[in-house]
Amino acid sequence: MTASTAPTNPNEALAQRLVDSGHLRSAAAIDAFRTTDRPACLPGVALENA
């Protein structure tokens, strides 16, 4: 992935990094990382850190 093809959505970017590193393999897990509202899971944590 290059800077020009990097996702701009934080959830998509995290999911893509985890897929690229081999940590996410199943479609269900990938979808969960793409759709979960991370700030809701970590109240008080900045979106960049969630």
N, C-alpha and C. Protein backbone atom coordinates (compact mmCIF):
# COMPACT_ATOMS: atom_id res chain seq x y z
N MET A 1 0.85 -1.17 0.00
CA MET A 1 0.00 0.00 0.00
C MET A 1 0.90 1.23 0.00
N THR A 2 0.60 2.17 -0.87
CA THR A 2 1.35 3.40 -0.94
C THR A 2 0.55 4.51 -0.28
N ALA A 3 1.19 5.64 -0.09
CA ALA A 3 0.49 6.78 0.53
C ALA A 3 -0.72 7.18 -0.30
N SER A 4 -0.64 7.05 -1.62
CA SER A 4 -1.76 7.46 -2.47
C SER A 4 -2.91 6.46 -2.44
N THR A 5 -2.65 5.22 -2.01
CA THR A 5 -3.72 4.23 -1.95
C THR A 5 -4.13 3.90 -0.51
N ALA A 6 -3.52 4.57 0.46
CA ALA A 6 -3.84 4.32 1.86
C ALA A 6 -5.26 4.79 2.15
N PRO A 7 -6.02 4.01 2.92
CA PRO A 7 -7.38 4.41 3.28
C PRO A 7 -7.36 5.66 4.15
N THR A 8 -8.37 6.50 4.00
CA THR A 8 -8.47 7.71 4.81
C THR A 8 -9.35 7.49 6.03
N ASN A 9 -10.19 6.47 6.02
CA ASN A 9 -11.04 6.14 7.15
C ASN A 9 -10.18 5.42 8.19
N PRO A 10 -10.18 5.89 9.46
CA PRO A 10 -9.33 5.26 10.48
C PRO A 10 -9.62 3.77 10.68
N ASN A 11 -10.89 3.38 10.65
CA ASN A 11 -11.22 1.96 10.82
C ASN A 11 -10.68 1.14 9.66
N GLU A 12 -10.85 1.65 8.46
CA GLU A 12 -10.36 0.93 7.28
C GLU A 12 -8.84 0.84 7.30
N ALA A 13 -8.19 1.92 7.72
CA ALA A 13 -6.73 1.93 7.78
C ALA A 13 -6.22 0.89 8.78
N LEU A 14 -6.85 0.82 9.96
CA LEU A 14 -6.45 -0.17 10.96
C LEU A 14 -6.68 -1.58 10.43
N ALA A 15 -7.86 -1.82 9.87
CA ALA A 15 -8.17 -3.15 9.34
C ALA A 15 -7.16 -3.54 8.27
N GLN A 16 -6.81 -2.62 7.40
CA GLN A 16 -5.87 -2.93 6.32
C GLN A 16 -4.49 -3.24 6.87
N ARG A 17 -4.04 -2.48 7.87
CA ARG A 17 -2.73 -2.77 8.48
C ARG A 17 -2.73 -4.15 9.11
N LEU A 18 -3.83 -4.52 9.78
CA LEU A 18 -3.90 -5.83 10.43
C LEU A 18 -3.99 -6.96 9.41
N VAL A 19 -4.66 -6.73 8.29
CA VAL A 19 -4.70 -7.73 7.22
C VAL A 19 -3.31 -7.88 6.61
N ASP A 20 -2.68 -6.76 6.32
CA ASP A 20 -1.35 -6.78 5.69
C ASP A 20 -0.31 -7.48 6.58
N SER A 21 -0.46 -7.33 7.89
CA SER A 21 0.50 -7.94 8.81
C SER A 21 0.17 -9.39 9.13
N GLY A 22 -0.99 -9.86 8.63
CA GLY A 22 -1.37 -11.25 8.84
C GLY A 22 -2.15 -11.50 10.13
N HIS A 23 -2.47 -10.44 10.87
CA HIS A 23 -3.20 -10.61 12.12
C HIS A 23 -4.70 -10.84 11.91
N LEU A 24 -5.25 -10.30 10.85
CA LEU A 24 -6.67 -10.53 10.54
C LEU A 24 -6.75 -11.38 9.28
N ARG A 25 -7.52 -12.47 9.36
CA ARG A 25 -7.63 -13.36 8.20
C ARG A 25 -9.07 -13.62 7.79
N SER A 26 -9.99 -13.67 8.75
CA SER A 26 -11.36 -14.02 8.40
C SER A 26 -12.15 -12.78 8.00
N ALA A 27 -13.08 -12.99 7.09
CA ALA A 27 -13.92 -11.88 6.63
C ALA A 27 -14.71 -11.27 7.78
N ALA A 28 -15.16 -12.09 8.72
CA ALA A 28 -15.95 -11.58 9.85
C ALA A 28 -15.10 -10.67 10.74
N ALA A 29 -13.87 -11.07 11.01
CA ALA A 29 -12.99 -10.24 11.84
C ALA A 29 -12.64 -8.94 11.13
N ILE A 30 -12.35 -9.03 9.85
CA ILE A 30 -12.02 -7.83 9.07
C ILE A 30 -13.20 -6.87 9.07
N ASP A 31 -14.40 -7.39 8.85
CA ASP A 31 -15.60 -6.56 8.86
C ASP A 31 -15.81 -5.91 10.22
N ALA A 32 -15.56 -6.66 11.29
CA ALA A 32 -15.73 -6.11 12.64
C ALA A 32 -14.79 -4.93 12.86
N PHE A 33 -13.54 -5.06 12.43
CA PHE A 33 -12.60 -3.95 12.61
C PHE A 33 -12.97 -2.77 11.73
N ARG A 34 -13.58 -3.02 10.60
CA ARG A 34 -13.98 -1.93 9.71
C ARG A 34 -15.21 -1.18 10.22
N THR A 35 -16.07 -1.86 10.98
CA THR A 35 -17.36 -1.26 11.33
C THR A 35 -17.53 -0.89 12.80
N THR A 36 -16.66 -1.36 13.68
CA THR A 36 -16.80 -1.08 15.10
C THR A 36 -16.48 0.39 15.39
N ASP A 37 -17.33 1.00 16.20
CA ASP A 37 -17.12 2.39 16.62
C ASP A 37 -16.10 2.38 17.76
N ARG A 38 -14.83 2.47 17.41
CA ARG A 38 -13.77 2.33 18.42
C ARG A 38 -13.86 3.35 19.54
N PRO A 39 -14.17 4.61 19.29
CA PRO A 39 -14.27 5.56 20.40
C PRO A 39 -15.35 5.16 21.41
N ALA A 40 -16.40 4.50 20.96
CA ALA A 40 -17.44 4.06 21.89
C ALA A 40 -16.92 2.95 22.81
N CYS A 41 -15.94 2.20 22.34
CA CYS A 41 -15.34 1.13 23.14
C CYS A 41 -14.32 1.66 24.13
N LEU A 42 -13.76 2.82 23.82
CA LEU A 42 -12.71 3.41 24.66
C LEU A 42 -13.06 4.86 24.97
N PRO A 43 -14.07 5.09 25.80
CA PRO A 43 -14.46 6.47 26.11
C PRO A 43 -13.30 7.24 26.76
N GLY A 44 -13.18 8.47 26.35
CA GLY A 44 -12.12 9.32 26.90
C GLY A 44 -10.78 9.18 26.20
N VAL A 45 -10.71 8.30 25.20
CA VAL A 45 -9.46 8.11 24.45
C VAL A 45 -9.63 8.79 23.09
N ALA A 46 -8.63 9.54 22.70
CA ALA A 46 -8.69 10.23 21.40
C ALA A 46 -8.82 9.22 20.27
N LEU A 47 -9.56 9.60 19.23
CA LEU A 47 -9.81 8.70 18.10
C LEU A 47 -8.49 8.17 17.53
N GLU A 48 -7.46 8.99 17.46
CA GLU A 48 -6.18 8.55 16.90
C GLU A 48 -5.56 7.43 17.73
N ASN A 49 -5.91 7.37 19.01
CA ASN A 49 -5.33 6.37 19.91
C ASN A 49 -6.26 5.17 20.13
N ALA A 50 -7.52 5.33 19.75
CA ALA A 50 -8.51 4.26 20.01
C ALA A 50 -8.26 3.07 19.11
